[in-house]
N, C-alpha and C. Protein backbone atom coordinates (compact mmCIF):
# COMPACT_ATOMS: atom_id res chain seq x y z
N MET A 1 87.30 70.89 66.37
CA MET A 1 86.17 70.70 67.25
C MET A 1 84.89 70.89 66.44
N VAL A 2 83.84 70.24 66.82
CA VAL A 2 82.58 70.27 66.08
C VAL A 2 81.50 71.08 66.79
N ASN A 3 81.87 72.04 67.62
CA ASN A 3 80.88 72.80 68.37
C ASN A 3 79.87 73.44 67.42
N ASN A 4 78.60 73.29 67.74
CA ASN A 4 77.49 73.79 66.93
C ASN A 4 77.45 73.16 65.54
N GLY A 5 78.00 71.97 65.41
CA GLY A 5 78.00 71.28 64.14
C GLY A 5 77.40 69.90 64.27
N THR A 6 77.79 69.03 63.37
CA THR A 6 77.28 67.66 63.34
C THR A 6 78.44 66.68 63.44
N LEU A 7 78.35 65.76 64.35
CA LEU A 7 79.33 64.70 64.52
C LEU A 7 78.73 63.43 63.94
N ILE A 8 79.38 62.86 62.93
CA ILE A 8 78.89 61.64 62.30
C ILE A 8 79.85 60.50 62.64
N ILE A 9 79.30 59.44 63.20
CA ILE A 9 80.10 58.26 63.55
C ILE A 9 79.57 57.10 62.73
N LYS A 10 80.40 56.61 61.83
CA LYS A 10 80.01 55.50 60.96
C LYS A 10 80.32 54.16 61.65
N ASN A 11 79.45 53.21 61.42
CA ASN A 11 79.62 51.85 61.93
C ASN A 11 79.92 51.85 63.44
N ILE A 12 79.02 52.44 64.18
CA ILE A 12 79.22 52.58 65.63
C ILE A 12 79.38 51.25 66.33
N GLU A 13 78.89 50.19 65.74
CA GLU A 13 79.01 48.87 66.38
C GLU A 13 80.47 48.44 66.52
N ASN A 14 81.39 49.12 65.83
CA ASN A 14 82.82 48.79 65.92
C ASN A 14 83.54 49.60 66.99
N MET A 15 82.83 50.46 67.71
CA MET A 15 83.44 51.31 68.73
C MET A 15 83.85 50.46 69.95
N SER A 16 85.07 50.70 70.45
CA SER A 16 85.55 49.94 71.61
C SER A 16 84.74 50.29 72.86
N ALA A 17 84.79 49.41 73.84
CA ALA A 17 84.04 49.62 75.09
C ALA A 17 84.50 50.89 75.80
N ASN A 18 85.81 51.15 75.83
CA ASN A 18 86.32 52.37 76.48
C ASN A 18 85.81 53.62 75.77
N THR A 19 85.83 53.60 74.47
CA THR A 19 85.36 54.75 73.70
C THR A 19 83.86 54.93 73.89
N GLN A 20 83.13 53.82 73.98
CA GLN A 20 81.69 53.91 74.22
C GLN A 20 81.40 54.61 75.54
N GLU A 21 82.17 54.29 76.58
CA GLU A 21 81.98 54.93 77.89
C GLU A 21 82.23 56.43 77.79
N SER A 22 83.30 56.81 77.12
CA SER A 22 83.62 58.24 76.96
C SER A 22 82.55 58.94 76.14
N PHE A 23 82.09 58.29 75.10
CA PHE A 23 81.06 58.87 74.23
C PHE A 23 79.75 59.02 74.99
N LEU A 24 79.40 58.04 75.79
CA LEU A 24 78.19 58.09 76.60
C LEU A 24 78.25 59.27 77.57
N LYS A 25 79.39 59.46 78.23
CA LYS A 25 79.56 60.59 79.14
C LYS A 25 79.40 61.91 78.39
N PHE A 26 79.96 61.97 77.19
CA PHE A 26 79.82 63.19 76.39
C PHE A 26 78.35 63.45 76.04
N LEU A 27 77.63 62.41 75.64
CA LEU A 27 76.22 62.60 75.29
C LEU A 27 75.40 63.06 76.49
N GLU A 28 75.73 62.57 77.67
CA GLU A 28 74.98 62.92 78.87
C GLU A 28 75.31 64.32 79.39
N THR A 29 76.58 64.75 79.23
CA THR A 29 77.00 66.02 79.83
C THR A 29 77.30 67.12 78.81
N GLY A 30 77.66 66.72 77.60
CA GLY A 30 78.09 67.69 76.60
C GLY A 30 79.55 68.09 76.77
N ASN A 31 80.26 67.43 77.68
CA ASN A 31 81.66 67.75 77.95
C ASN A 31 82.56 66.59 77.54
N PHE A 32 83.78 66.95 77.10
CA PHE A 32 84.77 65.94 76.74
C PHE A 32 86.16 66.49 77.04
N ARG A 33 87.11 65.58 77.07
CA ARG A 33 88.52 65.97 77.20
C ARG A 33 89.24 65.52 75.96
N ARG A 34 90.12 66.39 75.47
CA ARG A 34 90.95 66.00 74.34
C ARG A 34 91.89 64.88 74.78
N LEU A 35 92.31 64.07 73.83
CA LEU A 35 93.22 62.98 74.11
C LEU A 35 94.49 63.54 74.76
N GLY A 36 94.79 63.08 75.96
CA GLY A 36 95.96 63.57 76.68
C GLY A 36 95.71 64.86 77.45
N GLY A 37 94.52 65.44 77.29
CA GLY A 37 94.21 66.70 77.97
C GLY A 37 93.67 66.47 79.36
N SER A 38 93.66 67.55 80.16
CA SER A 38 93.17 67.42 81.52
C SER A 38 91.91 68.25 81.77
N GLU A 39 91.66 69.26 80.93
CA GLU A 39 90.48 70.08 81.17
C GLU A 39 89.33 69.67 80.25
N TYR A 40 88.12 69.85 80.79
CA TYR A 40 86.93 69.50 80.04
C TYR A 40 86.53 70.66 79.12
N ILE A 41 86.03 70.31 77.96
CA ILE A 41 85.56 71.27 76.97
C ILE A 41 84.10 70.96 76.71
N HIS A 42 83.28 72.00 76.64
CA HIS A 42 81.86 71.80 76.37
C HIS A 42 81.62 71.96 74.86
N ALA A 43 80.81 71.09 74.30
CA ALA A 43 80.46 71.16 72.88
C ALA A 43 78.98 70.87 72.72
N ASN A 44 78.35 71.66 71.89
CA ASN A 44 76.93 71.48 71.56
C ASN A 44 76.88 70.94 70.13
N VAL A 45 76.57 69.67 69.98
CA VAL A 45 76.59 69.06 68.65
C VAL A 45 75.35 68.21 68.41
N ARG A 46 75.06 68.03 67.15
CA ARG A 46 74.05 67.06 66.71
C ARG A 46 74.84 65.80 66.38
N VAL A 47 74.37 64.65 66.82
CA VAL A 47 75.09 63.40 66.63
C VAL A 47 74.30 62.50 65.69
N ILE A 48 74.99 61.98 64.69
CA ILE A 48 74.41 61.00 63.77
C ILE A 48 75.32 59.78 63.79
N VAL A 49 74.74 58.62 64.05
CA VAL A 49 75.52 57.39 64.01
C VAL A 49 74.91 56.48 62.95
N THR A 50 75.78 55.68 62.35
CA THR A 50 75.30 54.75 61.33
C THR A 50 75.68 53.33 61.71
N THR A 51 74.91 52.42 61.19
CA THR A 51 75.21 51.00 61.32
C THR A 51 74.60 50.28 60.11
N THR A 52 75.17 49.18 59.77
CA THR A 52 74.59 48.37 58.69
C THR A 52 73.78 47.22 59.26
N ASP A 53 73.90 47.01 60.58
CA ASP A 53 73.22 45.89 61.22
C ASP A 53 72.76 46.30 62.62
N ILE A 54 71.50 46.63 62.75
CA ILE A 54 70.96 47.12 64.02
C ILE A 54 71.08 46.07 65.13
N SER A 55 70.93 44.78 64.80
CA SER A 55 71.03 43.75 65.84
C SER A 55 72.47 43.62 66.33
N LEU A 56 73.44 43.78 65.44
CA LEU A 56 74.84 43.76 65.83
C LEU A 56 75.16 44.98 66.70
N MET A 57 74.60 46.11 66.35
CA MET A 57 74.77 47.33 67.14
C MET A 57 74.23 47.11 68.55
N GLN A 58 73.05 46.53 68.65
CA GLN A 58 72.44 46.28 69.95
C GLN A 58 73.27 45.31 70.78
N GLU A 59 73.84 44.32 70.11
CA GLU A 59 74.64 43.31 70.78
C GLU A 59 75.96 43.88 71.32
N ARG A 60 76.60 44.76 70.55
CA ARG A 60 77.94 45.24 70.88
C ARG A 60 77.98 46.51 71.72
N LEU A 61 76.92 47.32 71.66
CA LEU A 61 76.97 48.60 72.37
C LEU A 61 76.54 48.48 73.82
N ASN A 62 77.11 49.34 74.64
CA ASN A 62 76.66 49.54 76.01
C ASN A 62 75.16 49.79 75.94
N GLN A 63 74.38 49.15 76.79
CA GLN A 63 72.92 49.23 76.70
C GLN A 63 72.39 50.65 76.90
N ARG A 64 73.01 51.42 77.80
CA ARG A 64 72.59 52.82 77.99
C ARG A 64 72.84 53.62 76.73
N LEU A 65 74.00 53.39 76.12
CA LEU A 65 74.33 54.11 74.89
C LEU A 65 73.37 53.71 73.78
N PHE A 66 73.09 52.43 73.66
CA PHE A 66 72.15 51.96 72.64
C PHE A 66 70.78 52.59 72.83
N HIS A 67 70.33 52.67 74.08
CA HIS A 67 69.02 53.25 74.37
C HIS A 67 68.98 54.73 73.98
N ILE A 68 70.02 55.48 74.31
CA ILE A 68 70.06 56.91 73.97
C ILE A 68 70.07 57.09 72.46
N LEU A 69 70.92 56.33 71.78
CA LEU A 69 71.03 56.47 70.33
C LEU A 69 69.79 55.97 69.60
N GLY A 70 69.11 55.00 70.19
CA GLY A 70 67.94 54.41 69.56
C GLY A 70 66.68 55.25 69.71
N ALA A 71 66.78 56.36 70.44
CA ALA A 71 65.60 57.19 70.68
C ALA A 71 65.05 57.78 69.38
N TYR A 72 65.95 58.08 68.45
CA TYR A 72 65.54 58.65 67.16
C TYR A 72 66.15 57.80 66.06
N LYS A 73 65.36 56.93 65.52
CA LYS A 73 65.85 55.98 64.52
C LYS A 73 65.30 56.36 63.15
N LEU A 74 66.19 56.43 62.18
CA LEU A 74 65.80 56.73 60.81
C LEU A 74 66.36 55.63 59.93
N GLU A 75 65.47 54.86 59.36
CA GLU A 75 65.91 53.79 58.47
C GLU A 75 65.79 54.27 57.03
N ILE A 76 66.88 54.14 56.31
CA ILE A 76 66.91 54.55 54.91
C ILE A 76 67.13 53.29 54.08
N PRO A 77 66.17 52.95 53.26
CA PRO A 77 66.33 51.73 52.45
C PRO A 77 67.45 51.92 51.43
N PRO A 78 68.09 50.83 51.03
CA PRO A 78 69.17 50.94 50.05
C PRO A 78 68.64 51.45 48.71
N LEU A 79 69.53 52.05 47.95
CA LEU A 79 69.15 52.63 46.66
C LEU A 79 68.56 51.59 45.71
N ARG A 80 68.99 50.35 45.83
CA ARG A 80 68.43 49.31 44.95
C ARG A 80 66.92 49.15 45.16
N ASP A 81 66.43 49.58 46.34
CA ASP A 81 64.99 49.52 46.62
C ASP A 81 64.29 50.84 46.31
N ARG A 82 65.05 51.83 45.84
CA ARG A 82 64.47 53.16 45.53
C ARG A 82 64.91 53.60 44.14
N LYS A 83 64.75 52.76 43.16
CA LYS A 83 65.24 53.05 41.81
C LYS A 83 64.65 54.32 41.22
N GLU A 84 63.45 54.71 41.70
CA GLU A 84 62.84 55.94 41.19
C GLU A 84 63.62 57.18 41.61
N ASP A 85 64.53 57.06 42.57
CA ASP A 85 65.36 58.19 43.02
C ASP A 85 66.58 58.41 42.14
N ILE A 86 66.93 57.44 41.33
CA ILE A 86 68.17 57.51 40.56
C ILE A 86 68.22 58.71 39.61
N PRO A 87 67.19 59.01 38.83
CA PRO A 87 67.29 60.18 37.94
C PRO A 87 67.57 61.49 38.70
N SER A 88 66.94 61.68 39.84
CA SER A 88 67.18 62.90 40.64
C SER A 88 68.61 62.93 41.18
N LEU A 89 69.11 61.78 41.59
CA LEU A 89 70.48 61.72 42.10
C LEU A 89 71.49 61.99 40.99
N ILE A 90 71.24 61.44 39.82
CA ILE A 90 72.14 61.71 38.69
C ILE A 90 72.18 63.21 38.42
N GLU A 91 71.01 63.82 38.33
CA GLU A 91 70.94 65.25 38.05
C GLU A 91 71.67 66.06 39.13
N HIS A 92 71.46 65.70 40.38
CA HIS A 92 72.12 66.42 41.48
C HIS A 92 73.64 66.35 41.36
N PHE A 93 74.18 65.14 41.17
CA PHE A 93 75.63 65.00 41.15
C PHE A 93 76.26 65.54 39.87
N VAL A 94 75.57 65.47 38.77
CA VAL A 94 76.08 66.08 37.54
C VAL A 94 76.16 67.59 37.71
N ASP A 95 75.11 68.19 38.26
CA ASP A 95 75.12 69.64 38.51
C ASP A 95 76.22 70.01 39.50
N LYS A 96 76.35 69.22 40.54
CA LYS A 96 77.34 69.51 41.59
C LYS A 96 78.77 69.46 41.06
N THR A 97 79.03 68.57 40.13
CA THR A 97 80.40 68.48 39.58
C THR A 97 80.62 69.43 38.41
N SER A 98 79.56 69.85 37.73
CA SER A 98 79.70 70.73 36.57
C SER A 98 79.89 72.19 36.98
N LYS A 99 79.13 72.65 37.95
CA LYS A 99 79.16 74.07 38.33
C LYS A 99 80.54 74.56 38.75
N PRO A 100 81.26 73.88 39.62
CA PRO A 100 82.59 74.40 40.01
C PRO A 100 83.58 74.45 38.85
N ARG A 101 83.36 73.62 37.85
CA ARG A 101 84.25 73.60 36.68
C ARG A 101 83.78 74.54 35.57
N HIS A 102 82.63 75.18 35.82
CA HIS A 102 82.04 76.11 34.85
C HIS A 102 81.83 75.46 33.48
N ILE A 103 81.31 74.23 33.53
CA ILE A 103 80.98 73.54 32.29
C ILE A 103 79.49 73.22 32.30
N GLN A 104 78.96 73.05 31.12
CA GLN A 104 77.53 72.74 31.02
C GLN A 104 77.28 71.31 31.48
N ALA A 105 76.26 71.15 32.28
CA ALA A 105 75.92 69.83 32.80
C ALA A 105 75.48 68.91 31.67
N LYS A 106 75.96 67.70 31.70
CA LYS A 106 75.56 66.69 30.72
C LYS A 106 74.16 66.19 31.05
N LYS A 107 73.43 65.83 30.05
CA LYS A 107 72.11 65.23 30.22
C LYS A 107 72.22 63.76 29.86
N PHE A 108 71.58 62.94 30.67
CA PHE A 108 71.57 61.51 30.43
C PHE A 108 70.24 61.12 29.78
N SER A 109 70.33 60.26 28.77
CA SER A 109 69.11 59.80 28.14
C SER A 109 68.38 58.85 29.08
N LYS A 110 67.11 58.62 28.82
CA LYS A 110 66.32 57.69 29.61
C LYS A 110 66.93 56.29 29.56
N ALA A 111 67.43 55.91 28.38
CA ALA A 111 68.05 54.58 28.22
C ALA A 111 69.30 54.46 29.10
N ALA A 112 70.13 55.53 29.15
CA ALA A 112 71.33 55.51 29.98
C ALA A 112 70.97 55.44 31.46
N THR A 113 69.97 56.22 31.84
CA THR A 113 69.53 56.23 33.23
C THR A 113 69.00 54.86 33.63
N ASN A 114 68.27 54.21 32.74
CA ASN A 114 67.71 52.89 33.03
C ASN A 114 68.80 51.84 33.20
N LYS A 115 69.95 52.02 32.54
CA LYS A 115 71.05 51.06 32.67
C LYS A 115 71.72 51.17 34.03
N ILE A 116 71.63 52.35 34.61
CA ILE A 116 72.23 52.55 35.94
C ILE A 116 71.37 51.87 36.96
């Protein structure tokens, strides 16, 4: 269960109509039933949904669900449009993989970073 956590749903435009109805009820009430269960469970969660095509999402989703989810929209441009972020990302992931292994983080030259 994700109580007091974050529920991430990727590619929400692929969600079936039945699941959309159940998800909409959950968003409105905070209650859900486990698959095959009979009692309702309350959960307090933050919901993040992703899509690669907002128009497809609008076309396929229940309009009430689309309206609720569309209330807070955050568009993140692809990395190819944010090349200045690459050096920071390299540093982050090198550190993240080096520390648990107790090895010294590798440094990338400017030329290597530019090739990425």
